[in-house]
Amino acid sequence: MATMKVTKSTMHRRVGDMTFYVRNGNMVVRARHNSSRTPKPTLSRMETRMRWKNCINLWRAFPPDEQPVFEGRRPGVSDYNLFLSHAMQTEPVYLTQQLADNGATVLTSVVVSCGTLPEIGVTNDGTAPATDIALGSLTIGEGTTLGDLATAVVRNNAAFGFGDELLCYVGWQREDAARRVPVVAVECVRVLLDGSDEGLLWQGAASRQGFVSRGGVLAAAGMEAGGVAWVHIRTVGNRTRRSTQRMVVDNPLVSAYCSAEAFEAACRSYGGAQEPPFITPNQNQ
């Protein structure tokens, strides 16, 4: 390193492989030794990065017009922001960079709605998730109309009224054979509680999965790999209220992608993380 006395200068320049700057009135010239390599993130930051990818892909799995909604959002905060915040509190899923970039998604028990209406209780009755929405003597079958369901729900549940809606989310955990990655498809069924509606209730796979009667209550037909959620919605004037609900999930892939092995594989795919120090000084001693 060479130095040269100068009277006054604020120069700090790089020319080729040399750096020129002033220190204590001397011009200093040295070879550049700045590294352009980005330092590795900590394990904590790496974990957040890997989990974040699955949460983003989960949001994209919902139909654009039926994505999760959260009442009482602060100005500047979107439903997307709140969904990701809640999703990060569920089961951790670690995707490798290649899987994440190819749209891999694993369904977890994400929150799909937050609001001020009473929550619909959901338990597993030994067959599949079942709600606490009583149906009285109604047995849902091929000929059940939307009006039949609406009448049974309103007559047997004080929290519901005609004009309310039931929104059912059905999530299917599948595999994209072409890309060889796990994917999630979410279908939605929105039922307006109108006692005079003569349309048939069962009009597709999602309605057959999310609307059956078992033990006198509204339930899911069976527990395939995936999940289900029911949301109570009420609109009065220009205000829409909803119940707070999350997906009730039975998904074998969750345990596979939240293991220590999955974490290590995902971490390596992103270039690894900083190892924690062998000894952490205790500043109180």
Protein backbone atom coordinates (compact mmCIF):
# COMPACT_ATOMS: atom_id res chain seq x y z
CA MET A 1 0.00 0.00 0.00
CA ALA A 2 1.44 3.43 -1.00
CA THR A 3 0.77 6.84 0.61
CA MET A 4 1.34 10.43 -0.53
CA LYS A 5 0.99 13.63 1.54
CA VAL A 6 -1.88 15.89 0.40
CA THR A 7 -3.11 19.16 1.81
CA LYS A 8 -6.86 18.82 1.30
CA SER A 9 -8.98 16.31 -0.53
CA THR A 10 -12.18 14.39 -0.17
CA MET A 11 -11.40 12.04 -3.00
CA HIS A 12 -12.43 8.40 -2.67
CA ARG A 13 -12.30 6.70 -6.04
CA ARG A 14 -11.85 3.27 -7.53
CA VAL A 15 -9.82 2.86 -10.70
CA GLY A 16 -9.51 -0.66 -12.05
CA ASP A 17 -8.20 -2.85 -9.27
CA MET A 18 -6.98 0.11 -7.18
CA THR A 19 -8.77 2.22 -4.56
CA PHE A 20 -7.71 5.85 -3.85
CA TYR A 21 -8.77 7.66 -0.65
CA VAL A 22 -7.48 10.17 1.93
CA ARG A 23 -6.63 9.22 5.51
CA ASN A 24 -5.16 11.73 7.98
CA GLY A 25 -4.06 14.04 5.16
CA ASN A 26 -2.36 11.26 3.23
CA MET A 27 -3.42 9.90 -0.12
CA VAL A 28 -3.71 6.16 0.24
CA VAL A 29 -3.61 3.76 -2.71
CA ARG A 30 -4.37 0.10 -2.16
CA ALA A 31 -5.45 -2.91 -4.15
CA ARG A 32 -9.19 -3.51 -4.04
CA HIS A 33 -10.18 -6.32 -1.74
CA ASN A 34 -13.89 -5.73 -1.49
CA SER A 35 -15.88 -8.89 -2.01
CA SER A 36 -19.03 -8.85 -4.10
CA ARG A 37 -20.25 -12.07 -2.55
CA THR A 38 -23.45 -11.71 -0.59
CA PRO A 39 -23.06 -12.96 2.98
CA LYS A 40 -25.09 -16.00 3.87
CA PRO A 41 -28.27 -15.37 5.86
CA THR A 42 -28.71 -16.61 9.40
CA LEU A 43 -30.60 -19.83 10.03
CA SER A 44 -33.57 -17.82 11.30
CA ARG A 45 -33.74 -15.71 8.15
CA MET A 46 -33.25 -18.76 5.96
CA GLU A 47 -36.14 -20.54 7.68
CA THR A 48 -38.40 -17.55 7.12
CA ARG A 49 -37.39 -17.34 3.46
CA MET A 50 -38.13 -21.01 2.81
CA ARG A 51 -41.50 -20.98 4.61
CA TRP A 52 -42.54 -17.75 2.90
CA LYS A 53 -42.48 -19.43 -0.51
CA ASN A 54 -45.14 -21.98 0.41
CA CYS A 55 -47.37 -19.29 1.92
CA ILE A 56 -47.22 -17.24 -1.29
CA ASN A 57 -48.03 -20.26 -3.43
CA LEU A 58 -50.94 -21.13 -1.13
CA TRP A 59 -52.47 -17.70 -1.68
CA ARG A 60 -52.24 -18.22 -5.43
CA ALA A 61 -54.10 -21.55 -5.10
CA PHE A 62 -57.33 -19.76 -4.15
CA PRO A 63 -59.70 -18.62 -6.92
CA PRO A 64 -59.05 -14.90 -7.58
CA ASP A 65 -62.63 -13.92 -6.72
CA GLU A 66 -62.77 -16.01 -3.53
CA GLN A 67 -59.41 -15.39 -1.89
CA PRO A 68 -59.37 -15.11 1.92
CA VAL A 69 -60.83 -11.89 3.34
CA PHE A 70 -60.06 -10.24 6.68
CA GLU A 71 -62.41 -7.77 8.35
CA GLY A 72 -61.11 -4.60 9.95
CA ARG A 73 -57.95 -4.23 7.90
CA ARG A 74 -55.90 -1.15 8.72
CA PRO A 75 -55.33 1.34 5.88
CA GLY A 76 -52.51 0.16 3.66
CA VAL A 77 -52.79 -3.47 4.77
CA SER A 78 -54.16 -5.90 2.19
CA ASP A 79 -55.88 -9.25 2.56
CA TYR A 80 -52.76 -10.73 0.97
CA ASN A 81 -50.55 -9.23 3.69
CA LEU A 82 -52.73 -10.59 6.47
CA PHE A 83 -53.03 -14.00 4.87
CA LEU A 84 -49.24 -14.35 4.71
CA SER A 85 -48.90 -13.13 8.30
CA HIS A 86 -51.37 -15.75 9.54
CA ALA A 87 -49.95 -18.47 7.28
CA MET A 88 -46.51 -18.03 8.80
CA GLN A 89 -47.99 -19.10 12.15
CA THR A 90 -49.13 -22.52 10.85
CA GLU A 91 -47.19 -25.72 10.30
CA PRO A 92 -43.76 -24.94 8.77
CA VAL A 93 -43.27 -26.19 5.23
CA TYR A 94 -39.76 -26.12 3.77
CA LEU A 95 -39.56 -26.11 -0.02
CA THR A 96 -36.33 -26.27 -1.99
CA GLN A 97 -35.72 -23.36 -4.33
CA GLN A 98 -36.48 -25.53 -7.36
CA LEU A 99 -39.77 -26.76 -5.90
CA ALA A 100 -40.85 -23.27 -4.89
CA ASP A 101 -39.98 -21.76 -8.27
CA ASN A 102 -42.01 -24.52 -9.97
CA GLY A 103 -45.10 -23.62 -7.94
CA ALA A 104 -44.94 -26.42 -5.37
CA THR A 105 -47.56 -25.98 -2.65
CA VAL A 106 -48.43 -27.92 0.50
CA LEU A 107 -51.79 -27.22 2.16
CA THR A 108 -51.60 -26.30 5.85
CA SER A 109 -54.23 -25.14 8.34
CA VAL A 110 -54.21 -21.55 7.06
CA VAL A 111 -56.68 -18.91 8.20
CA VAL A 112 -59.14 -18.17 5.38
CA SER A 113 -61.32 -15.59 7.08
CA CYS A 114 -61.25 -13.18 10.03
CA GLY A 115 -64.30 -11.30 11.20
CA THR A 116 -66.88 -10.45 13.81
CA LEU A 117 -69.53 -13.14 13.31
CA PRO A 118 -69.43 -16.14 15.67
CA GLU A 119 -66.99 -18.81 14.57
CA ILE A 120 -68.41 -22.01 13.10
CA GLY A 121 -67.22 -24.84 15.31
CA VAL A 122 -65.55 -27.71 13.46
CA THR A 123 -64.51 -31.08 14.89
CA ASN A 124 -63.59 -34.44 13.41
CA ASP A 125 -66.41 -36.88 14.08
CA GLY A 126 -64.31 -39.90 13.21
CA THR A 127 -65.13 -39.77 9.53
CA ALA A 128 -64.26 -36.21 8.50
CA PRO A 129 -64.64 -32.62 9.72
CA ALA A 130 -68.15 -31.81 10.94
CA THR A 131 -69.55 -28.38 11.84
CA ASP A 132 -71.82 -27.34 14.70
CA ILE A 133 -74.46 -26.19 12.17
CA ALA A 134 -77.55 -28.23 13.01
CA LEU A 135 -79.70 -29.49 10.14
CA GLY A 136 -82.59 -30.99 12.08
CA SER A 137 -84.19 -33.82 10.15
CA LEU A 138 -82.66 -32.86 6.78
CA THR A 139 -80.74 -35.62 5.05
CA ILE A 140 -78.74 -34.21 2.16
CA GLY A 141 -78.82 -36.23 -1.05
CA GLU A 142 -79.03 -36.00 -4.81
CA GLY A 143 -82.40 -34.23 -4.74
CA THR A 144 -81.61 -31.72 -1.97
CA THR A 145 -82.17 -28.16 -3.11
CA LEU A 146 -80.41 -25.00 -2.02
CA GLY A 147 -83.72 -23.93 -0.47
CA ASP A 148 -83.89 -27.14 1.57
CA LEU A 149 -80.45 -26.47 3.03
CA ALA A 150 -81.21 -22.79 3.67
CA THR A 151 -84.45 -23.59 5.50
CA ALA A 152 -82.82 -26.27 7.66
CA VAL A 153 -79.89 -24.00 8.61
CA VAL A 154 -82.03 -20.97 9.51
CA ARG A 155 -84.66 -22.95 11.44
CA ASN A 156 -82.13 -24.86 13.53
CA ASN A 157 -79.45 -22.21 14.16
CA ALA A 158 -80.20 -18.87 15.80
CA ALA A 159 -76.96 -17.33 14.46
CA PHE A 160 -78.14 -17.65 10.84
CA GLY A 161 -80.82 -15.81 8.91
CA PHE A 162 -82.21 -15.81 5.38
CA GLY A 163 -80.00 -13.69 3.16
CA ASP A 164 -76.83 -14.88 4.89
CA GLU A 165 -74.30 -16.94 2.94
CA LEU A 166 -72.26 -20.06 3.57
CA LEU A 167 -68.92 -20.11 1.79
CA CYS A 168 -67.19 -23.48 1.69
CA TYR A 169 -63.52 -23.83 0.79
CA VAL A 170 -62.40 -27.29 -0.32
CA GLY A 171 -58.65 -27.74 -0.77
CA TRP A 172 -57.26 -30.69 -2.69
CA GLN A 173 -53.64 -31.76 -2.28
CA ARG A 174 -52.48 -33.16 -5.59
CA GLU A 175 -49.35 -33.80 -7.65
CA ASP A 176 -48.47 -32.12 -10.90
CA ALA A 177 -47.16 -35.07 -12.88
CA ALA A 178 -45.53 -32.91 -15.55
CA ARG A 179 -43.56 -30.79 -13.09
CA ARG A 180 -43.29 -33.51 -10.43
CA VAL A 181 -44.25 -31.18 -7.63
CA PRO A 182 -47.05 -31.17 -5.04
CA VAL A 183 -49.77 -28.62 -5.81
CA VAL A 184 -52.96 -27.41 -4.17
CA ALA A 185 -56.27 -26.70 -5.88
CA VAL A 186 -58.88 -24.80 -3.88
CA GLU A 187 -62.51 -24.83 -4.97
CA CYS A 188 -65.23 -22.67 -3.45
CA VAL A 189 -68.97 -23.11 -3.10
CA ARG A 190 -71.00 -20.06 -2.03
CA VAL A 191 -74.57 -20.77 -0.94
CA LEU A 192 -77.08 -17.97 -0.42
CA LEU A 193 -79.55 -18.93 2.29
CA ASP A 194 -82.73 -18.47 0.27
CA GLY A 195 -85.56 -20.78 1.28
CA SER A 196 -87.21 -20.51 -2.14
CA ASP A 197 -84.18 -21.49 -4.23
CA GLU A 198 -85.03 -24.69 -6.12
CA GLY A 199 -81.54 -25.23 -7.57
CA LEU A 200 -79.78 -28.45 -6.63
CA LEU A 201 -77.18 -28.25 -3.86
CA TRP A 202 -74.82 -30.85 -5.33
CA GLN A 203 -73.44 -29.38 -8.54
CA GLY A 204 -69.83 -30.46 -8.52
CA ALA A 205 -67.09 -32.21 -6.57
CA ALA A 206 -66.62 -29.38 -4.09
CA SER A 207 -70.30 -29.19 -3.10
CA ARG A 208 -70.46 -32.97 -2.71
CA GLN A 209 -67.37 -32.84 -0.49
CA GLY A 210 -68.34 -29.85 1.65
CA PHE A 211 -72.11 -30.26 2.05
CA VAL A 212 -73.33 -33.54 3.52
CA SER A 213 -75.44 -34.33 6.56
CA ARG A 214 -74.03 -36.62 9.23
CA GLY A 215 -75.22 -36.94 12.78
CA GLY A 216 -77.72 -34.15 12.27
CA VAL A 217 -75.12 -31.50 11.36
CA LEU A 218 -73.44 -30.12 8.24
CA ALA A 219 -70.21 -31.97 7.54
CA ALA A 220 -67.62 -32.92 4.94
CA ALA A 221 -68.15 -36.12 2.99
CA GLY A 222 -64.76 -37.66 3.74
CA MET A 223 -61.21 -36.71 4.53
CA GLU A 224 -59.15 -36.91 1.39
CA ALA A 225 -55.67 -35.41 1.32
CA GLY A 226 -56.46 -31.73 1.69
CA GLY A 227 -58.76 -29.64 3.84
CA VAL A 228 -62.06 -27.84 4.20
CA ALA A 229 -63.47 -24.68 5.83
CA TRP A 230 -66.91 -23.11 6.11
CA VAL A 231 -67.37 -19.34 6.47
CA HIS A 232 -70.55 -17.56 7.60
CA ILE A 233 -71.06 -14.29 5.69
CA ARG A 234 -73.65 -11.57 6.30
CA THR A 235 -74.00 -8.35 4.28
CA VAL A 236 -76.06 -5.46 5.64
CA GLY A 237 -75.97 -2.31 3.53
CA ASN A 238 -72.40 -1.75 2.47
CA ARG A 239 -70.88 -3.71 5.34
CA THR A 240 -69.98 -7.38 5.07
CA ARG A 241 -69.29 -9.37 8.19
CA ARG A 242 -67.86 -12.86 8.36
CA SER A 243 -66.80 -15.54 10.81
CA THR A 244 -63.19 -16.33 11.65
CA GLN A 245 -62.23 -19.69 10.17
CA ARG A 246 -59.23 -21.76 9.18
CA MET A 247 -58.75 -24.78 6.96
CA VAL A 248 -59.17 -28.08 8.79
CA VAL A 249 -56.47 -30.18 7.16
CA ASP A 250 -55.57 -33.85 6.89
CA ASN A 251 -52.52 -33.81 4.66
CA PRO A 252 -49.72 -36.42 4.88
CA LEU A 253 -47.37 -34.13 2.95
CA VAL A 254 -47.20 -31.67 5.86
CA SER A 255 -45.11 -34.03 7.99
CA ALA A 256 -42.90 -34.85 5.01
CA TYR A 257 -42.10 -31.21 4.28
CA CYS A 258 -41.70 -29.95 7.84
CA SER A 259 -39.07 -32.48 8.88
CA ALA A 260 -35.45 -31.75 9.69
CA GLU A 261 -34.44 -33.49 6.47
CA ALA A 262 -36.73 -31.22 4.43
CA PHE A 263 -35.27 -28.17 6.18
CA GLU A 264 -31.70 -29.21 5.43
CA ALA A 265 -32.45 -30.00 1.78
CA ALA A 266 -34.21 -26.67 1.29
CA CYS A 267 -31.43 -24.80 3.07
CA ARG A 268 -28.77 -26.35 0.81
CA SER A 269 -30.76 -25.44 -2.29
CA TYR A 270 -30.50 -21.76 -1.35
CA GLY A 271 -26.77 -21.92 -0.73
CA GLY A 272 -26.84 -22.67 2.97
CA ALA A 273 -26.97 -20.43 5.99
CA GLN A 274 -24.58 -19.07 8.55
CA GLU A 275 -23.86 -21.51 11.31
CA PRO A 276 -24.55 -20.20 14.81
CA PRO A 277 -21.38 -19.49 16.86
CA PHE A 278 -20.07 -22.42 18.88
CA ILE A 279 -19.93 -20.24 21.99
CA THR A 280 -22.24 -17.29 22.55
CA PRO A 281 -20.70 -14.85 25.06
CA ASN A 282 -22.86 -14.09 28.09
CA GLN A 283 -22.60 -10.34 28.53
CA ASN A 284 -24.06 -10.53 32.04
CA GLN A 285 -20.96 -12.30 33.36
